[in-house]
């Protein structure tokens, strides 16, 4: 079950509740204090060689600059641990045009 929360930046986050033995996952905005958890997951993806061409996780500053601020999210489990993340990046128009079918 996914619980969507609207959490203001810099607020204290409360872990999602456990109901009926099922752990809820909260989807909340990703902010700088969450970076260590995201960075650990990022590093695991690099170690497998399946998630990115990067060789090391970026700094928070580089990550935040490369991602759309309204589209950076994390998933928190029942104890507030970051268990997943998603972020969107802007794609340049020239790249988008070059990916059209037939080009």
PDB file of N, CA and C in Angstrom:
ATOM      1  N   UNK A   1       0.851  -1.159   0.000  1.00  0.00           N
ATOM      2  CA  UNK A   1       0.000   0.000   0.000  1.00  0.00           C
ATOM      3  C   UNK A   1       0.899   1.224   0.000  1.00  0.00           C
ATOM      4  N   UNK A   2       0.586   2.208  -0.828  1.00  0.00           N
ATOM      5  CA  UNK A   2       1.379   3.424  -0.895  1.00  0.00           C
ATOM      6  C   UNK A   2       0.574   4.557  -0.287  1.00  0.00           C
ATOM      7  N   UNK A   3       1.225   5.280   0.598  1.00  0.00           N
ATOM      8  CA  UNK A   3       0.607   6.432   1.228  1.00  0.00           C
ATOM      9  C   UNK A   3       1.266   7.680   0.679  1.00  0.00           C
ATOM     10  N   UNK A   4       0.494   8.579   0.131  1.00  0.00           N
ATOM     11  CA  UNK A   4       1.056   9.825  -0.364  1.00  0.00           C
ATOM     12  C   UNK A   4       0.925  10.870   0.721  1.00  0.00           C
ATOM     13  N   UNK A   5       2.010  11.562   0.987  1.00  0.00           N
ATOM     14  CA  UNK A   5       2.026  12.604   2.000  1.00  0.00           C
ATOM     15  C   UNK A   5       2.494  13.899   1.385  1.00  0.00           C
ATOM     16  N   UNK A   6       1.978  14.980   1.857  1.00  0.00           N
ATOM     17  CA  UNK A   6       2.493  16.287   1.472  1.00  0.00           C
ATOM     18  C   UNK A   6       3.264  16.801   2.674  1.00  0.00           C
ATOM     19  N   UNK A   7       4.569  16.886   2.552  1.00  0.00           N
ATOM     20  CA  UNK A   7       5.408  17.270   3.673  1.00  0.00           C
ATOM     21  C   UNK A   7       6.145  18.548   3.320  1.00  0.00           C
ATOM     22  N   UNK A   8       5.948  19.609   4.114  1.00  0.00           N
ATOM     23  CA  UNK A   8       6.685  20.842   3.826  1.00  0.00           C
ATOM     24  C   UNK A   8       8.181  20.639   3.987  1.00  0.00           C
ATOM     25  N   UNK A   9       8.973  21.374   3.204  1.00  0.00           N
ATOM     26  CA  UNK A   9      10.418  21.293   3.302  1.00  0.00           C
ATOM     27  C   UNK A   9      10.841  21.661   4.721  1.00  0.00           C
ATOM     28  N   UNK A  10      11.841  20.963   5.243  1.00  0.00           N
ATOM     29  CA  UNK A  10      12.402  21.180   6.572  1.00  0.00           C
ATOM     30  C   UNK A  10      11.463  20.801   7.710  1.00  0.00           C
ATOM     31  N   UNK A  11      10.399  20.075   7.440  1.00  0.00           N
ATOM     32  CA  UNK A  11       9.517  19.646   8.522  1.00  0.00           C
ATOM     33  C   UNK A  11      10.052  18.352   9.115  1.00  0.00           C
ATOM     34  N   UNK A  12       9.596  18.024  10.282  1.00  0.00           N
ATOM     35  CA  UNK A  12       9.943  16.744  10.887  1.00  0.00           C
ATOM     36  C   UNK A  12       9.072  15.688  10.223  1.00  0.00           C
ATOM     37  N   UNK A  13       9.692  14.651   9.726  1.00  0.00           N
ATOM     38  CA  UNK A  13       8.937  13.598   9.049  1.00  0.00           C
ATOM     39  C   UNK A  13       8.662  12.482  10.023  1.00  0.00           C
ATOM     40  N   UNK A  14       7.434  12.051  10.037  1.00  0.00           N
ATOM     41  CA  UNK A  14       7.051  10.922  10.873  1.00  0.00           C
ATOM     42  C   UNK A  14       6.964   9.699   9.981  1.00  0.00           C
ATOM     43  N   UNK A  15       7.494   8.572  10.449  1.00  0.00           N
ATOM     44  CA  UNK A  15       7.396   7.362   9.631  1.00  0.00           C
ATOM     45  C   UNK A  15       5.939   6.986   9.409  1.00  0.00           C
ATOM     46  N   UNK A  16       5.645   6.345   8.292  1.00  0.00           N
ATOM     47  CA  UNK A  16       4.280   5.900   8.045  1.00  0.00           C
ATOM     48  C   UNK A  16       3.866   4.837   9.057  1.00  0.00           C
ATOM     49  N   UNK A  17       2.578   4.719   9.244  1.00  0.00           N
ATOM     50  CA  UNK A  17       2.051   3.764  10.208  1.00  0.00           C
ATOM     51  C   UNK A  17       2.110   2.337   9.671  1.00  0.00           C
ATOM     52  N   UNK A  18       2.097   1.386  10.588  1.00  0.00           N
ATOM     53  CA  UNK A  18       2.002  -0.025  10.219  1.00  0.00           C
ATOM     54  C   UNK A  18       0.567  -0.440  10.531  1.00  0.00           C
ATOM     55  N   UNK A  19      -0.125  -0.924   9.500  1.00  0.00           N
ATOM     56  CA  UNK A  19      -1.516  -1.335   9.668  1.00  0.00           C
ATOM     57  C   UNK A  19      -1.659  -2.791   9.290  1.00  0.00           C
ATOM     58  N   UNK A  20      -2.222  -3.545  10.170  1.00  0.00           N
ATOM     59  CA  UNK A  20      -2.523  -4.934   9.871  1.00  0.00           C
ATOM     60  C   UNK A  20      -1.303  -5.747   9.484  1.00  0.00           C
ATOM     61  N   UNK A  21      -0.135  -5.415  10.027  1.00  0.00           N
ATOM     62  CA  UNK A  21       1.076  -6.164   9.731  1.00  0.00           C
ATOM     63  C   UNK A  21       1.698  -5.812   8.399  1.00  0.00           C
ATOM     64  N   UNK A  22       1.120  -4.860   7.667  1.00  0.00           N
ATOM     65  CA  UNK A  22       1.657  -4.445   6.381  1.00  0.00           C
ATOM     66  C   UNK A  22       2.330  -3.092   6.565  1.00  0.00           C
ATOM     67  N   UNK A  23       3.536  -2.990   6.089  1.00  0.00           N
ATOM     68  CA  UNK A  23       4.254  -1.730   6.201  1.00  0.00           C
ATOM     69  C   UNK A  23       3.832  -0.798   5.088  1.00  0.00           C
ATOM     70  N   UNK A  24       3.410   0.386   5.461  1.00  0.00           N
ATOM     71  CA  UNK A  24       3.107   1.409   4.470  1.00  0.00           C
ATOM     72  C   UNK A  24       4.413   2.055   4.026  1.00  0.00           C
ATOM     73  N   UNK A  25       4.436   2.509   2.823  1.00  0.00           N
ATOM     74  CA  UNK A  25       5.559   3.258   2.289  1.00  0.00           C
ATOM     75  C   UNK A  25       5.062   4.674   2.044  1.00  0.00           C
ATOM     76  N   UNK A  26       5.793   5.650   2.549  1.00  0.00           N
ATOM     77  CA  UNK A  26       5.436   7.048   2.334  1.00  0.00           C
ATOM     78  C   UNK A  26       6.282   7.595   1.192  1.00  0.00           C
ATOM     79  N   UNK A  27       5.636   8.311   0.287  1.00  0.00           N
ATOM     80  CA  UNK A  27       6.326   8.979  -0.807  1.00  0.00           C
ATOM     81  C   UNK A  27       6.342  10.465  -0.449  1.00  0.00           C
ATOM     82  N   UNK A  28       7.549  11.012  -0.286  1.00  0.00           N
ATOM     83  CA  UNK A  28       7.698  12.396   0.153  1.00  0.00           C
ATOM     84  C   UNK A  28       8.755  13.093  -0.696  1.00  0.00           C
ATOM     85  N   UNK A  29       8.756  14.423  -0.688  1.00  0.00           N
ATOM     86  CA  UNK A  29       9.783  15.150  -1.439  1.00  0.00           C
ATOM     87  C   UNK A  29      11.185  14.834  -0.915  1.00  0.00           C
ATOM     88  N   UNK A  30      12.132  14.758  -1.824  1.00  0.00           N
ATOM     89  CA  UNK A  30      13.539  14.534  -1.490  1.00  0.00           C
ATOM     90  C   UNK A  30      14.189  15.879  -1.199  1.00  0.00           C
ATOM     91  N   UNK A  31      14.794  16.009  -0.025  1.00  0.00           N
ATOM     92  CA  UNK A  31      15.490  17.234   0.356  1.00  0.00           C
ATOM     93  C   UNK A  31      16.914  16.884   0.773  1.00  0.00           C
ATOM     94  N   UNK A  32      17.734  17.891   0.952  1.00  0.00           N
ATOM     95  CA  UNK A  32      19.147  17.691   1.272  1.00  0.00           C
ATOM     96  C   UNK A  32      19.381  16.749   2.463  1.00  0.00           C
ATOM     97  N   UNK A  33      18.618  16.838   3.553  1.00  0.00           N
ATOM     98  CA  UNK A  33      18.867  15.914   4.667  1.00  0.00           C
ATOM     99  C   UNK A  33      18.645  14.436   4.320  1.00  0.00           C
ATOM    100  N   UNK A  34      17.901  14.167   3.235  1.00  0.00           N
ATOM    101  CA  UNK A  34      17.642  12.792   2.798  1.00  0.00           C
ATOM    102  C   UNK A  34      18.771  12.233   1.947  1.00  0.00           C
ATOM    103  N   UNK A  35      19.691  13.084   1.493  1.00  0.00           N
ATOM    104  CA  UNK A  35      20.704  12.678   0.538  1.00  0.00           C
ATOM    105  C   UNK A  35      21.519  11.470   0.966  1.00  0.00           C
ATOM    106  N   UNK A  36      21.967  11.329   2.224  1.00  0.00           N
ATOM    107  CA  UNK A  36      22.769  10.151   2.569  1.00  0.00           C
ATOM    108  C   UNK A  36      22.072   8.823   2.236  1.00  0.00           C
ATOM    109  N   UNK A  37      20.765   8.736   2.466  1.00  0.00           N
ATOM    110  CA  UNK A  37      20.035   7.517   2.127  1.00  0.00           C
ATOM    111  C   UNK A  37      19.952   7.295   0.639  1.00  0.00           C
ATOM    112  N   UNK A  38      19.711   8.363  -0.112  1.00  0.00           N
ATOM    113  CA  UNK A  38      19.646   8.263  -1.570  1.00  0.00           C
ATOM    114  C   UNK A  38      21.032   7.940  -2.125  1.00  0.00           C
ATOM    115  N   UNK A  39      22.048   8.585  -1.591  1.00  0.00           N
ATOM    116  CA  UNK A  39      23.419   8.350  -2.052  1.00  0.00           C
ATOM    117  C   UNK A  39      23.824   6.885  -1.868  1.00  0.00           C
ATOM    118  N   UNK A  40      23.407   6.277  -0.753  1.00  0.00           N
ATOM    119  CA  UNK A  40      23.723   4.858  -0.517  1.00  0.00           C
ATOM    120  C   UNK A  40      23.063   3.975  -1.572  1.00  0.00           C
ATOM    121  N   UNK A  41      21.808   4.259  -1.912  1.00  0.00           N
ATOM    122  CA  UNK A  41      21.111   3.482  -2.941  1.00  0.00           C
ATOM    123  C   UNK A  41      21.764   3.725  -4.298  1.00  0.00           C
ATOM    124  N   UNK A  42      22.124   4.951  -4.571  1.00  0.00           N
ATOM    125  CA  UNK A  42      22.803   5.316  -5.822  1.00  0.00           C
ATOM    126  C   UNK A  42      24.100   4.522  -5.947  1.00  0.00           C
ATOM    127  N   UNK A  43      24.874   4.470  -4.850  1.00  0.00           N
ATOM    128  CA  UNK A  43      26.149   3.742  -4.856  1.00  0.00           C
ATOM    129  C   UNK A  43      25.934   2.252  -5.111  1.00  0.00           C
ATOM    130  N   UNK A  44      24.860   1.683  -4.560  1.00  0.00           N
ATOM    131  CA  UNK A  44      24.554   0.269  -4.818  1.00  0.00           C
ATOM    132  C   UNK A  44      24.275   0.054  -6.304  1.00  0.00           C
ATOM    133  N   UNK A  45      23.554   0.986  -6.925  1.00  0.00           N
ATOM    134  CA  UNK A  45      23.273   0.882  -8.354  1.00  0.00           C
ATOM    135  C   UNK A  45      24.542   0.950  -9.192  1.00  0.00           C
ATOM    136  N   UNK A  46      25.466   1.798  -8.778  1.00  0.00           N
ATOM    137  CA  UNK A  46      26.753   1.895  -9.478  1.00  0.00           C
ATOM    138  C   UNK A  46      27.527   0.592  -9.336  1.00  0.00           C
ATOM    139  N   UNK A  47      27.531   0.031  -8.135  1.00  0.00           N
ATOM    140  CA  UNK A  47      28.290  -1.198  -7.865  1.00  0.00           C
ATOM    141  C   UNK A  47      27.814  -2.359  -8.733  1.00  0.00           C
ATOM    142  N   UNK A  48      26.524  -2.411  -9.043  1.00  0.00           N
ATOM    143  CA  UNK A  48      26.004  -3.509  -9.867  1.00  0.00           C
ATOM    144  C   UNK A  48      26.339  -3.326 -11.338  1.00  0.00           C
ATOM    145  N   UNK A  49      26.582  -2.073 -11.747  1.00  0.00           N
ATOM    146  CA  UNK A  49      26.834  -1.789 -13.151  1.00  0.00           C
ATOM    147  C   UNK A  49      25.584  -1.771 -14.005  1.00  0.00           C
ATOM    148  N   UNK A  50      24.401  -1.843 -13.390  1.00  0.00           N
ATOM    149  CA  UNK A  50      23.152  -1.905 -14.143  1.00  0.00           C
ATOM    150  C   UNK A  50      22.340  -0.620 -14.113  1.00  0.00           C
ATOM    151  N   UNK A  51      22.679   0.321 -13.231  1.00  0.00           N
ATOM    152  CA  UNK A  51      21.801   1.467 -13.025  1.00  0.00           C
ATOM    153  C   UNK A  51      22.247   2.753 -13.700  1.00  0.00           C
ATOM    154  N   UNK A  52      23.521   2.905 -13.961  1.00  0.00           N
ATOM    155  CA  UNK A  52      24.022   4.170 -14.478  1.00  0.00           C
ATOM    156  C   UNK A  52      25.403   3.978 -15.087  1.00  0.00           C
ATOM    157  N   UNK A  53      25.819   4.942 -15.863  1.00  0.00           N
ATOM    158  CA  UNK A  53      27.180   4.937 -16.381  1.00  0.00           C
ATOM    159  C   UNK A  53      28.133   5.675 -15.445  1.00  0.00           C
ATOM    160  N   UNK A  54      27.587   6.298 -14.411  1.00  0.00           N
ATOM    161  CA  UNK A  54      28.411   7.022 -13.445  1.00  0.00           C
ATOM    162  C   UNK A  54      29.344   6.056 -12.727  1.00  0.00           C
ATOM    163  N   UNK A  55      30.466   6.581 -12.245  1.00  0.00           N
ATOM    164  CA  UNK A  55      31.419   5.753 -11.500  1.00  0.00           C
ATOM    165  C   UNK A  55      31.403   6.055 -10.016  1.00  0.00           C
ATOM    166  N   UNK A  56      30.734   7.142  -9.630  1.00  0.00           N
ATOM    167  CA  UNK A  56      30.599   7.514  -8.222  1.00  0.00           C
ATOM    168  C   UNK A  56      29.337   8.356  -8.084  1.00  0.00           C
ATOM    169  N   UNK A  57      28.675   8.283  -6.929  1.00  0.00           N
ATOM    170  CA  UNK A  57      27.499   9.132  -6.741  1.00  0.00           C
ATOM    171  C   UNK A  57      27.901  10.610  -6.796  1.00  0.00           C
ATOM    172  N   UNK A  58      27.020  11.452  -7.301  1.00  0.00           N
ATOM    173  CA  UNK A  58      27.314  12.885  -7.311  1.00  0.00           C
ATOM    174  C   UNK A  58      27.181  13.457  -5.903  1.00  0.00           C
ATOM    175  N   UNK A  59      27.639  14.668  -5.726  1.00  0.00           N
ATOM    176  CA  UNK A  59      27.367  15.371  -4.472  1.00  0.00           C
ATOM    177  C   UNK A  59      25.900  15.769  -4.472  1.00  0.00           C
ATOM    178  N   UNK A  60      25.368  16.121  -3.302  1.00  0.00           N
ATOM    179  CA  UNK A  60      23.991  16.592  -3.233  1.00  0.00           C
ATOM    180  C   UNK A  60      23.811  17.801  -4.157  1.00  0.00           C
ATOM    181  N   UNK A  61      24.785  18.713  -4.131  1.00  0.00           N
ATOM    182  CA  UNK A  61      24.679  19.931  -4.923  1.00  0.00           C
ATOM    183  C   UNK A  61      24.592  19.616  -6.421  1.00  0.00           C
ATOM    184  N   UNK A  62      25.416  18.694  -6.890  1.00  0.00           N
ATOM    185  CA  UNK A  62      25.390  18.314  -8.308  1.00  0.00           C
ATOM    186  C   UNK A  62      24.093  17.588  -8.651  1.00  0.00           C
ATOM    187  N   UNK A  63      23.650  16.699  -7.780  1.00  0.00           N
ATOM    188  CA  UNK A  63      22.412  15.963  -7.993  1.00  0.00           C
ATOM    189  C   UNK A  63      21.231  16.929  -8.065  1.00  0.00           C
ATOM    190  N   UNK A  64      21.137  17.812  -7.079  1.00  0.00           N
ATOM    191  CA  UNK A  64      20.012  18.746  -7.011  1.00  0.00           C
ATOM    192  C   UNK A  64      19.990  19.681  -8.224  1.00  0.00           C
ATOM    193  N   UNK A  65      21.161  20.104  -8.683  1.00  0.00           N
ATOM    194  CA  UNK A  65      21.235  20.994  -9.839  1.00  0.00           C
ATOM    195  C   UNK A  65      20.800  20.302 -11.126  1.00  0.00           C
ATOM    196  N   UNK A  66      20.986  18.990 -11.201  1.00  0.00           N
ATOM    197  CA  UNK A  66      20.681  18.244 -12.421  1.00  0.00           C
ATOM    198  C   UNK A  66      19.245  17.729 -12.471  1.00  0.00           C
ATOM    199  N   UNK A  67      18.523  17.798 -11.364  1.00  0.00           N
ATOM    200  CA  UNK A  67      17.166  17.256 -11.304  1.00  0.00           C
ATOM    201  C   UNK A  67      16.145  18.363 -11.122  1.00  0.00           C
ATOM    202  N   UNK A  68      14.947  18.159 -11.634  1.00  0.00           N
ATOM    203  CA  UNK A  68      13.867  19.125 -11.466  1.00  0.00           C
ATOM    204  C   UNK A  68      13.416  19.128 -10.007  1.00  0.00           C
ATOM    205  N   UNK A  69      13.419  20.282  -9.379  1.00  0.00           N
ATOM    206  CA  UNK A  69      13.167  20.352  -7.934  1.00  0.00           C
ATOM    207  C   UNK A  69      11.791  19.833  -7.529  1.00  0.00           C
ATOM    208  N   UNK A  70      10.787  20.005  -8.367  1.00  0.00           N
ATOM    209  CA  UNK A  70       9.441  19.520  -8.027  1.00  0.00           C
ATOM    210  C   UNK A  70       9.249  18.037  -8.322  1.00  0.00           C
ATOM    211  N   UNK A  71      10.283  17.390  -8.848  1.00  0.00           N
ATOM    212  CA  UNK A  71      10.160  15.994  -9.257  1.00  0.00           C
ATOM    213  C   UNK A  71      11.274  15.138  -8.662  1.00  0.00           C
ATOM    214  N   UNK A  72      11.595  15.384  -7.394  1.00  0.00           N
ATOM    215  CA  UNK A  72      12.570  14.580  -6.643  1.00  0.00           C
ATOM    216  C   UNK A  72      11.818  13.989  -5.463  1.00  0.00           C
ATOM    217  N   UNK A  73      11.701  12.672  -5.442  1.00  0.00           N
ATOM    218  CA  UNK A  73      10.905  11.986  -4.424  1.00  0.00           C
ATOM    219  C   UNK A  73      11.690  10.854  -3.788  1.00  0.00           C
ATOM    220  N   UNK A  74      11.331  10.530  -2.546  1.00  0.00           N
ATOM    221  CA  UNK A  74      11.883   9.353  -1.892  1.00  0.00           C
ATOM    222  C   UNK A  74      10.748   8.513  -1.336  1.00  0.00           C
ATOM    223  N   UNK A  75      11.038   7.241  -1.134  1.00  0.00           N
ATOM    224  CA  UNK A  75      10.119   6.323  -0.468  1.00  0.00           C
ATOM    225  C   UNK A  75      10.712   6.018   0.898  1.00  0.00           C
ATOM    226  N   UNK A  76       9.902   6.201   1.947  1.00  0.00           N
ATOM    227  CA  UNK A  76      10.324   5.910   3.320  1.00  0.00           C
ATOM    228  C   UNK A  76       9.554   4.718   3.843  1.00  0.00           C
ATOM    229  N   UNK A  77      10.257   3.823   4.547  1.00  0.00           N
ATOM    230  CA  UNK A  77       9.544   2.702   5.158  1.00  0.00           C
ATOM    231  C   UNK A  77       9.030   3.101   6.537  1.00  0.00           C
ATOM    232  N   UNK A  78       8.523   2.145   7.302  1.00  0.00           N
ATOM    233  CA  UNK A  78       7.868   2.423   8.571  1.00  0.00           C
ATOM    234  C   UNK A  78       8.767   3.096   9.606  1.00  0.00           C
ATOM    235  N   UNK A  79      10.082   2.937   9.507  1.00  0.00           N
ATOM    236  CA  UNK A  79      10.963   3.578  10.496  1.00  0.00           C
ATOM    237  C   UNK A  79      11.660   4.820   9.934  1.00  0.00           C
ATOM    238  N   UNK A  80      11.235   5.279   8.770  1.00  0.00           N
ATOM    239  CA  UNK A  80      11.787   6.491   8.192  1.00  0.00           C
ATOM    240  C   UNK A  80      13.029   6.284   7.343  1.00  0.00           C
ATOM    241  N   UNK A  81      13.400   5.031   7.090  1.00  0.00           N
ATOM    242  CA  UNK A  81      14.559   4.731   6.248  1.00  0.00           C
ATOM    243  C   UNK A  81      14.217   4.941   4.779  1.00  0.00           C
ATOM    244  N   UNK A  82      15.123   5.585   4.053  1.00  0.00           N
ATOM    245  CA  UNK A  82      14.938   5.759   2.608  1.00  0.00           C
ATOM    246  C   UNK A  82      15.121   4.397   1.942  1.00  0.00           C
ATOM    247  N   UNK A  83      14.091   3.938   1.248  1.00  0.00           N
ATOM    248  CA  UNK A  83      14.149   2.631   0.584  1.00  0.00           C
ATOM    249  C   UNK A  83      14.054   2.737  -0.935  1.00  0.00           C
ATOM    250  N   UNK A  84      13.906   3.957  -1.434  1.00  0.00           N
ATOM    251  CA  UNK A  84      13.863   4.157  -2.874  1.00  0.00           C
ATOM    252  C   UNK A  84      13.797   5.635  -3.191  1.00  0.00           C
ATOM    253  N   UNK A  85      14.094   5.957  -4.443  1.00  0.00           N
ATOM    254  CA  UNK A  85      14.020   7.354  -4.869  1.00  0.00           C
ATOM    255  C   UNK A  85      13.721   7.426  -6.356  1.00  0.00           C
ATOM    256  N   UNK A  86      13.221   8.580  -6.759  1.00  0.00           N
ATOM    257  CA  UNK A  86      12.978   8.859  -8.173  1.00  0.00           C
ATOM    258  C   UNK A  86      13.194  10.347  -8.386  1.00  0.00           C
ATOM    259  N   UNK A  87      13.725  10.687  -9.535  1.00  0.00           N
ATOM    260  CA  UNK A  87      13.938  12.091  -9.871  1.00  0.00           C
ATOM    261  C   UNK A  87      13.877  12.245 -11.383  1.00  0.00           C
ATOM    262  N   UNK A  88      13.393  13.394 -11.805  1.00  0.00           N
ATOM    263  CA  UNK A  88      13.292  13.679 -13.240  1.00  0.00           C
ATOM    264  C   UNK A  88      14.299  14.760 -13.610  1.00  0.00           C
ATOM    265  N   UNK A  89      14.815  14.630 -14.820  1.00  0.00           N
ATOM    266  CA  UNK A  89      15.747  15.618 -15.362  1.00  0.00           C
ATOM    267  C   UNK A  89      15.147  16.227 -16.618  1.00  0.00           C
ATOM    268  N   UNK A  90      15.515  17.434 -16.884  1.00  0.00           N
ATOM    269  CA  UNK A  90      15.106  18.084 -18.122  1.00  0.00           C
ATOM    270  C   UNK A  90      15.964  17.517 -19.251  1.00  0.00           C
ATOM    271  N   UNK A  91      15.376  17.307 -20.401  1.00  0.00           N
ATOM    272  CA  UNK A  91      16.137  16.834 -21.557  1.00  0.00           C
ATOM    273  C   UNK A  91      16.205  17.987 -22.553  1.00  0.00           C
ATOM    274  N   UNK A  92      17.354  18.174 -23.140  1.00  0.00           N
ATOM    275  CA  UNK A  92      17.529  19.267 -24.088  1.00  0.00           C
ATOM    276  C   UNK A  92      16.715  19.053 -25.343  1.00  0.00           C
ATOM    277  N   UNK A  93      16.242  20.126 -25.941  1.00  0.00           N
ATOM    278  CA  UNK A  93      15.424  20.023 -27.148  1.00  0.00           C
ATOM    279  C   UNK A  93      16.192  19.354 -28.279  1.00  0.00           C
ATOM    280  N   UNK A  94      17.482  19.653 -28.414  1.00  0.00           N
ATOM    281  CA  UNK A  94      18.251  19.038 -29.501  1.00  0.00           C
ATOM    282  C   UNK A  94      18.342  17.526 -29.326  1.00  0.00           C
ATOM    283  N   UNK A  95      18.398  17.050 -28.094  1.00  0.00           N
ATOM    284  CA  UNK A  95      18.434  15.600 -27.848  1.00  0.00           C
ATOM    285  C   UNK A  95      17.078  15.003 -28.196  1.00  0.00           C
ATOM    286  N   UNK A  96      16.017  15.664 -27.774  1.00  0.00           N
ATOM    287  CA  UNK A  96      14.671  15.167 -28.062  1.00  0.00           C
ATOM    288  C   UNK A  96      14.423  15.103 -29.565  1.00  0.00           C
ATOM    289  N   UNK A  97      14.858  16.114 -30.283  1.00  0.00           N
ATOM    290  CA  UNK A  97      14.659  16.116 -31.731  1.00  0.00           C
ATOM    291  C   UNK A  97      15.452  15.014 -32.404  1.00  0.00           C
ATOM    292  N   UNK A  98      16.626  14.701 -31.913  1.00  0.00           N
ATOM    293  CA  UNK A  98      17.446  13.660 -32.493  1.00  0.00           C
ATOM    294  C   UNK A  98      16.915  12.251 -32.202  1.00  0.00           C
ATOM    295  N   UNK A  99      16.000  12.132 -31.274  1.00  0.00           N
ATOM    296  CA  UNK A  99      15.449  10.819 -30.937  1.00  0.00           C
ATOM    297  C   UNK A  99      14.123  10.534 -31.612  1.00  0.00           C
ATOM    298  N   UNK A 100      13.680  11.414 -32.461  1.00  0.00           N
ATOM    299  CA  UNK A 100      12.431  11.170 -33.173  1.00  0.00           C
ATOM    300  C   UNK A 100      12.613   9.989 -34.121  1.00  0.00           C
ATOM    301  N   UNK A 101      11.573   9.206 -34.299  1.00  0.00           N
ATOM    302  CA  UNK A 101      11.668   8.097 -35.258  1.00  0.00           C
ATOM    303  C   UNK A 101      12.031   8.617 -36.640  1.00  0.00           C
ATOM    304  N   UNK A 102      12.860   7.892 -37.339  1.00  0.00           N
ATOM    305  CA  UNK A 102      13.234   8.272 -38.665  1.00  0.00           C
ATOM    306  C   UNK A 102      14.427   9.198 -38.762  1.00  0.00           C
ATOM    307  N   UNK A 103      14.974   9.555 -37.650  1.00  0.00           N
ATOM    308  CA  UNK A 103      16.150  10.444 -37.654  1.00  0.00           C
ATOM    309  C   UNK A 103      17.390   9.656 -37.427  1.00  0.00           C
TER     310      UNK A 103
END
